[in-house]
Amino acid sequence: MKPGNKLIYIIILSIIFIFCIISCKKENNEATENQPVSSTGQVVFWVSEDIGYVNLYVDGVNEGTIKGYYNSGIPECGDSRCLTVTLQGGSHSYTATSNIGNSTEKFSVIDGACKQIKLF
């Protein structure tokens, strides 16, 4: 093989090699880039004494009514006497209304955590 042909052969092989590397897909990265990341936390809203029903709005959305009270410490998320809401991580606000008045506050949700908020 002539020296000039060797150089052309090496260049062609190099181009094919580079093309193969560039055209390879990273399938694992593509799959995770298109999937949403779960970034939610929970908030349990509660009252410690019987003040009647408490209507709760979070970010302007009616999340439900607290119909009971919790007077033995601090409740965990999901307690049936309280109201637990799952929210995106970040800043939020709530408004609670009852027969003793209204309360509006801002709060933050941490991803994967349970936050306890005592009302009134």
N, C-alpha and C. Protein backbone atom coordinates (compact mmCIF):
# COMPACT_ATOMS: atom_id res chain seq x y z
N MET A 1 0.84 -1.16 0.00
CA MET A 1 0.00 0.00 0.00
C MET A 1 0.90 1.23 0.00
N LYS A 2 0.55 2.18 -0.82
CA LYS A 2 1.33 3.40 -0.94
C LYS A 2 1.09 4.28 0.28
N PRO A 3 2.09 5.11 0.67
CA PRO A 3 1.92 5.98 1.83
C PRO A 3 0.73 6.92 1.70
N GLY A 4 0.40 7.43 0.53
CA GLY A 4 -0.74 8.30 0.33
C GLY A 4 -2.05 7.58 0.56
N ASN A 5 -2.12 6.31 0.11
CA ASN A 5 -3.33 5.50 0.31
C ASN A 5 -3.54 5.17 1.79
N LYS A 6 -2.42 4.96 2.53
CA LYS A 6 -2.51 4.68 3.95
C LYS A 6 -3.14 5.86 4.69
N LEU A 7 -2.72 7.04 4.32
CA LEU A 7 -3.25 8.24 4.95
C LEU A 7 -4.75 8.39 4.68
N ILE A 8 -5.20 8.15 3.46
CA ILE A 8 -6.62 8.22 3.10
C ILE A 8 -7.39 7.15 3.87
N TYR A 9 -6.85 5.95 3.98
CA TYR A 9 -7.48 4.85 4.70
C TYR A 9 -7.66 5.23 6.17
N ILE A 10 -6.65 5.81 6.81
CA ILE A 10 -6.72 6.22 8.21
C ILE A 10 -7.75 7.33 8.39
N ILE A 11 -7.78 8.28 7.47
CA ILE A 11 -8.75 9.38 7.55
C ILE A 11 -10.18 8.85 7.44
N ILE A 12 -10.42 7.93 6.51
CA ILE A 12 -11.77 7.36 6.34
C ILE A 12 -12.18 6.60 7.59
N LEU A 13 -11.29 5.78 8.14
CA LEU A 13 -11.60 5.03 9.36
C LEU A 13 -11.86 5.98 10.54
N SER A 14 -11.09 7.05 10.60
CA SER A 14 -11.28 8.04 11.67
C SER A 14 -12.64 8.71 11.56
N ILE A 15 -13.05 9.07 10.36
CA ILE A 15 -14.36 9.70 10.13
C ILE A 15 -15.48 8.74 10.51
N ILE A 16 -15.36 7.48 10.13
CA ILE A 16 -16.38 6.48 10.49
C ILE A 16 -16.45 6.32 12.00
N PHE A 17 -15.30 6.24 12.66
CA PHE A 17 -15.25 6.09 14.11
C PHE A 17 -15.91 7.29 14.80
N ILE A 18 -15.56 8.50 14.38
CA ILE A 18 -16.14 9.70 14.97
C ILE A 18 -17.65 9.74 14.74
N PHE A 19 -18.11 9.38 13.55
CA PHE A 19 -19.54 9.36 13.24
C PHE A 19 -20.27 8.39 14.17
N CYS A 20 -19.67 7.21 14.40
CA CYS A 20 -20.31 6.21 15.28
C CYS A 20 -20.44 6.74 16.70
N ILE A 21 -19.42 7.41 17.21
CA ILE A 21 -19.46 7.93 18.57
C ILE A 21 -20.48 9.05 18.69
N ILE A 22 -20.52 9.95 17.73
CA ILE A 22 -21.46 11.07 17.77
C ILE A 22 -22.91 10.61 17.67
N SER A 23 -23.16 9.59 16.88
CA SER A 23 -24.54 9.16 16.66
C SER A 23 -25.09 8.27 17.77
N CYS A 24 -24.26 7.84 18.71
CA CYS A 24 -24.74 7.01 19.82
C CYS A 24 -25.66 7.83 20.71
N LYS A 25 -26.77 7.25 21.15
CA LYS A 25 -27.72 7.92 22.02
C LYS A 25 -27.49 7.48 23.46
N LYS A 26 -27.67 8.39 24.36
CA LYS A 26 -27.63 8.08 25.77
C LYS A 26 -29.07 7.86 26.21
N GLU A 27 -29.56 6.65 26.08
CA GLU A 27 -30.98 6.37 26.32
C GLU A 27 -31.37 6.63 27.76
N ASN A 28 -30.51 6.33 28.71
CA ASN A 28 -30.87 6.57 30.11
C ASN A 28 -31.08 8.05 30.39
N ASN A 29 -30.23 8.91 29.86
CA ASN A 29 -30.39 10.35 30.07
C ASN A 29 -31.65 10.87 29.40
N GLU A 30 -31.95 10.39 28.20
CA GLU A 30 -33.15 10.86 27.51
C GLU A 30 -34.41 10.47 28.28
N ALA A 31 -34.42 9.29 28.89
CA ALA A 31 -35.60 8.85 29.62
C ALA A 31 -35.83 9.71 30.86
N THR A 32 -34.77 10.05 31.58
CA THR A 32 -34.97 10.83 32.80
C THR A 32 -35.22 12.30 32.51
N GLU A 33 -34.73 12.83 31.41
CA GLU A 33 -34.95 14.24 31.11
C GLU A 33 -36.42 14.54 30.84
N ASN A 34 -37.16 13.59 30.32
CA ASN A 34 -38.56 13.83 29.96
C ASN A 34 -39.53 13.47 31.08
N GLN A 35 -39.04 12.89 32.17
CA GLN A 35 -39.91 12.50 33.26
C GLN A 35 -39.97 13.62 34.30
N PRO A 36 -41.16 13.91 34.82
CA PRO A 36 -41.26 14.96 35.83
C PRO A 36 -40.60 14.53 37.13
N VAL A 37 -40.04 15.47 37.84
CA VAL A 37 -39.41 15.20 39.12
C VAL A 37 -40.45 15.44 40.20
N SER A 38 -40.60 14.47 41.08
CA SER A 38 -41.56 14.62 42.16
C SER A 38 -40.96 15.53 43.22
N SER A 39 -41.62 16.62 43.48
CA SER A 39 -41.13 17.57 44.49
C SER A 39 -42.31 18.04 45.33
N THR A 40 -42.88 17.12 46.07
CA THR A 40 -44.02 17.46 46.90
C THR A 40 -43.73 17.16 48.36
N GLY A 41 -44.46 17.84 49.20
CA GLY A 41 -44.44 17.58 50.63
C GLY A 41 -45.87 17.63 51.14
N GLN A 42 -46.03 17.28 52.39
CA GLN A 42 -47.37 17.30 52.98
C GLN A 42 -47.43 18.32 54.11
N VAL A 43 -48.63 18.83 54.32
CA VAL A 43 -48.89 19.76 55.42
C VAL A 43 -50.13 19.27 56.14
N VAL A 44 -50.03 19.12 57.45
CA VAL A 44 -51.19 18.76 58.25
C VAL A 44 -51.64 20.01 59.01
N PHE A 45 -52.90 20.38 58.81
CA PHE A 45 -53.51 21.54 59.48
C PHE A 45 -54.38 21.00 60.61
N TRP A 46 -54.30 21.63 61.79
CA TRP A 46 -55.04 21.13 62.94
C TRP A 46 -55.39 22.24 63.92
N VAL A 47 -56.37 21.94 64.76
CA VAL A 47 -56.73 22.81 65.88
C VAL A 47 -56.64 21.97 67.15
N SER A 48 -56.38 22.64 68.28
CA SER A 48 -56.16 21.90 69.53
C SER A 48 -57.36 21.90 70.46
N GLU A 49 -58.43 22.58 70.05
CA GLU A 49 -59.65 22.56 70.88
C GLU A 49 -60.87 22.59 69.98
N ASP A 50 -62.00 22.26 70.56
CA ASP A 50 -63.23 22.20 69.78
C ASP A 50 -63.75 23.61 69.50
N ILE A 51 -63.52 24.08 68.27
CA ILE A 51 -64.01 25.41 67.87
C ILE A 51 -65.02 25.30 66.73
N GLY A 52 -65.54 24.11 66.52
CA GLY A 52 -66.47 23.89 65.42
C GLY A 52 -65.71 23.61 64.14
N TYR A 53 -66.41 23.65 63.05
CA TYR A 53 -65.78 23.36 61.75
C TYR A 53 -64.85 24.49 61.32
N VAL A 54 -63.75 24.09 60.67
CA VAL A 54 -62.79 25.05 60.13
C VAL A 54 -62.64 24.77 58.64
N ASN A 55 -62.98 25.73 57.81
CA ASN A 55 -62.80 25.59 56.36
C ASN A 55 -61.40 26.07 56.00
N LEU A 56 -60.71 25.32 55.15
CA LEU A 56 -59.33 25.63 54.82
C LEU A 56 -59.15 25.84 53.32
N TYR A 57 -58.52 26.95 52.98
CA TYR A 57 -58.19 27.28 51.59
C TYR A 57 -56.67 27.42 51.50
N VAL A 58 -56.08 26.73 50.54
CA VAL A 58 -54.64 26.84 50.31
C VAL A 58 -54.44 27.38 48.90
N ASP A 59 -53.73 28.46 48.82
CA ASP A 59 -53.50 29.15 47.53
C ASP A 59 -54.83 29.44 46.82
N GLY A 60 -55.86 29.75 47.61
CA GLY A 60 -57.16 30.09 47.06
C GLY A 60 -58.05 28.92 46.72
N VAL A 61 -57.57 27.70 46.93
CA VAL A 61 -58.35 26.49 46.61
C VAL A 61 -58.91 25.89 47.89
N ASN A 62 -60.21 25.59 47.90
CA ASN A 62 -60.85 24.97 49.06
C ASN A 62 -60.33 23.53 49.19
N GLU A 63 -59.57 23.29 50.26
CA GLU A 63 -58.98 21.96 50.47
C GLU A 63 -59.85 21.07 51.36
N GLY A 64 -60.83 21.66 52.03
CA GLY A 64 -61.71 20.84 52.85
C GLY A 64 -62.02 21.48 54.18
N THR A 65 -62.59 20.67 55.08
CA THR A 65 -63.04 21.14 56.38
C THR A 65 -62.46 20.28 57.49
N ILE A 66 -61.94 20.93 58.51
CA ILE A 66 -61.50 20.22 59.72
C ILE A 66 -62.71 20.13 60.63
N LYS A 67 -63.08 18.90 60.99
CA LYS A 67 -64.30 18.69 61.77
C LYS A 67 -64.02 18.23 63.20
N GLY A 68 -62.75 18.02 63.51
CA GLY A 68 -62.39 17.56 64.84
C GLY A 68 -61.24 18.37 65.38
N TYR A 69 -60.68 17.93 66.51
CA TYR A 69 -59.54 18.62 67.08
C TYR A 69 -58.55 17.60 67.63
N TYR A 70 -57.33 18.04 67.80
CA TYR A 70 -56.24 17.18 68.24
C TYR A 70 -55.60 17.85 69.44
N ASN A 71 -55.77 17.24 70.62
CA ASN A 71 -55.26 17.88 71.83
C ASN A 71 -54.24 17.04 72.59
N SER A 72 -53.56 16.16 71.90
CA SER A 72 -52.56 15.33 72.56
C SER A 72 -51.23 15.40 71.81
N GLY A 73 -50.57 16.55 71.88
CA GLY A 73 -49.29 16.71 71.20
C GLY A 73 -49.45 17.31 69.82
N ILE A 74 -48.56 16.90 68.92
CA ILE A 74 -48.56 17.42 67.55
C ILE A 74 -48.87 16.26 66.61
N PRO A 75 -49.88 16.42 65.74
CA PRO A 75 -50.28 15.30 64.87
C PRO A 75 -49.29 15.05 63.73
N GLU A 76 -49.34 13.86 63.21
CA GLU A 76 -48.59 13.48 62.02
C GLU A 76 -49.48 13.67 60.80
N CYS A 77 -48.86 13.81 59.65
CA CYS A 77 -49.64 13.90 58.41
C CYS A 77 -50.50 12.66 58.25
N GLY A 78 -51.75 12.87 57.84
CA GLY A 78 -52.66 11.76 57.63
C GLY A 78 -53.58 11.49 58.80
N ASP A 79 -53.39 12.14 59.94
CA ASP A 79 -54.26 11.93 61.10
C ASP A 79 -55.69 12.30 60.72
N SER A 80 -56.64 11.44 61.07
CA SER A 80 -58.03 11.62 60.64
C SER A 80 -58.72 12.80 61.31
N ARG A 81 -58.20 13.30 62.41
CA ARG A 81 -58.82 14.44 63.10
C ARG A 81 -58.33 15.78 62.53
N CYS A 82 -57.45 15.70 61.55
CA CYS A 82 -56.84 16.90 60.98
C CYS A 82 -57.08 16.90 59.47
N LEU A 83 -56.51 17.87 58.78
CA LEU A 83 -56.62 17.93 57.33
C LEU A 83 -55.20 17.94 56.76
N THR A 84 -54.88 16.91 55.97
CA THR A 84 -53.56 16.80 55.36
C THR A 84 -53.66 17.12 53.89
N VAL A 85 -52.76 17.98 53.41
CA VAL A 85 -52.75 18.43 52.02
C VAL A 85 -51.37 18.15 51.45
N THR A 86 -51.33 17.61 50.22
CA THR A 86 -50.06 17.40 49.52
C THR A 86 -49.87 18.54 48.53
N LEU A 87 -48.72 19.19 48.61
CA LEU A 87 -48.44 20.38 47.80
C LEU A 87 -47.05 20.30 47.17
N GLN A 88 -46.87 21.06 46.11
CA GLN A 88 -45.55 21.22 45.51
C GLN A 88 -44.65 21.92 46.52
N GLY A 89 -43.37 21.58 46.50
CA GLY A 89 -42.42 22.27 47.36
C GLY A 89 -42.38 23.75 47.03
N GLY A 90 -42.16 24.59 48.05
CA GLY A 90 -42.09 26.02 47.82
C GLY A 90 -43.01 26.80 48.73
N SER A 91 -43.26 28.04 48.37
CA SER A 91 -44.07 28.96 49.19
C SER A 91 -45.55 28.86 48.85
N HIS A 92 -46.37 28.92 49.88
CA HIS A 92 -47.83 28.85 49.74
C HIS A 92 -48.46 29.75 50.78
N SER A 93 -49.77 29.87 50.71
CA SER A 93 -50.51 30.59 51.74
C SER A 93 -51.81 29.87 52.02
N TYR A 94 -52.31 30.04 53.25
CA TYR A 94 -53.60 29.45 53.60
C TYR A 94 -54.50 30.50 54.22
N THR A 95 -55.80 30.24 54.12
CA THR A 95 -56.80 31.00 54.84
C THR A 95 -57.70 29.99 55.52
N ALA A 96 -57.84 30.13 56.82
CA ALA A 96 -58.73 29.26 57.59
C ALA A 96 -59.88 30.11 58.11
N THR A 97 -61.10 29.61 57.96
CA THR A 97 -62.27 30.34 58.44
C THR A 97 -63.05 29.46 59.40
N SER A 98 -63.51 30.06 60.48
CA SER A 98 -64.32 29.32 61.45
C SER A 98 -65.27 30.29 62.13
N ASN A 99 -66.04 29.77 63.09
CA ASN A 99 -66.98 30.64 63.77
C ASN A 99 -66.29 31.59 64.76
N ILE A 100 -64.99 31.40 65.01
CA ILE A 100 -64.27 32.33 65.89
C ILE A 100 -63.44 33.34 65.12
N GLY A 101 -63.42 33.24 63.79
CA GLY A 101 -62.69 34.22 62.99
C GLY A 101 -61.96 33.60 61.81
N ASN A 102 -61.09 34.41 61.23
CA ASN A 102 -60.31 33.98 60.06
C ASN A 102 -58.82 34.11 60.36
N SER A 103 -58.04 33.32 59.67
CA SER A 103 -56.60 33.39 59.82
C SER A 103 -55.97 33.18 58.44
N THR A 104 -55.04 34.06 58.06
CA THR A 104 -54.34 33.94 56.79
C THR A 104 -52.84 34.04 57.05
N GLU A 105 -52.09 33.07 56.56
CA GLU A 105 -50.64 33.04 56.77
C GLU A 105 -49.94 32.46 55.54
N LYS A 106 -48.65 32.76 55.42
CA LYS A 106 -47.80 32.14 54.40
C LYS A 106 -46.98 31.05 55.06
N PHE A 107 -46.61 30.04 54.27
CA PHE A 107 -45.80 28.94 54.78
C PHE A 107 -45.01 28.32 53.64
N SER A 108 -44.03 27.51 53.97
CA SER A 108 -43.21 26.83 52.97
C SER A 108 -43.35 25.33 53.10
N VAL A 109 -43.30 24.64 51.96
CA VAL A 109 -43.35 23.18 51.92
C VAL A 109 -41.98 22.68 51.48
N ILE A 110 -41.47 21.71 52.22
CA ILE A 110 -40.18 21.09 51.89
C ILE A 110 -40.46 19.74 51.26
N ASP A 111 -39.78 19.47 50.15
CA ASP A 111 -39.97 18.21 49.42
C ASP A 111 -39.79 17.01 50.35
N GLY A 112 -40.78 16.12 50.33
CA GLY A 112 -40.70 14.87 51.07
C GLY A 112 -40.96 14.99 52.56
N ALA A 113 -41.26 16.17 53.05
CA ALA A 113 -41.45 16.37 54.49
C ALA A 113 -42.92 16.54 54.85
N CYS A 114 -43.19 16.39 56.15
CA CYS A 114 -44.53 16.65 56.69
C CYS A 114 -44.42 17.87 57.60
N LYS A 115 -45.14 18.92 57.26
CA LYS A 115 -45.15 20.14 58.05
C LYS A 115 -46.45 20.19 58.86
N GLN A 116 -46.36 20.58 60.13
CA GLN A 116 -47.54 20.70 60.98
C GLN A 116 -47.85 22.17 61.19
N ILE A 117 -49.10 22.56 60.93
CA ILE A 117 -49.53 23.94 61.15
C ILE A 117 -50.77 23.94 62.03
N LYS A 118 -50.59 24.50 63.23
CA LYS A 118 -51.72 24.65 64.17
C LYS A 118 -52.47 25.91 63.81
N LEU A 119 -53.77 25.79 63.67
CA LEU A 119 -54.63 26.93 63.33
C LEU A 119 -55.24 27.51 64.60
N PHE A 120 -55.44 28.82 64.59
CA PHE A 120 -56.07 29.57 65.67
C PHE A 120 -55.32 29.33 66.96
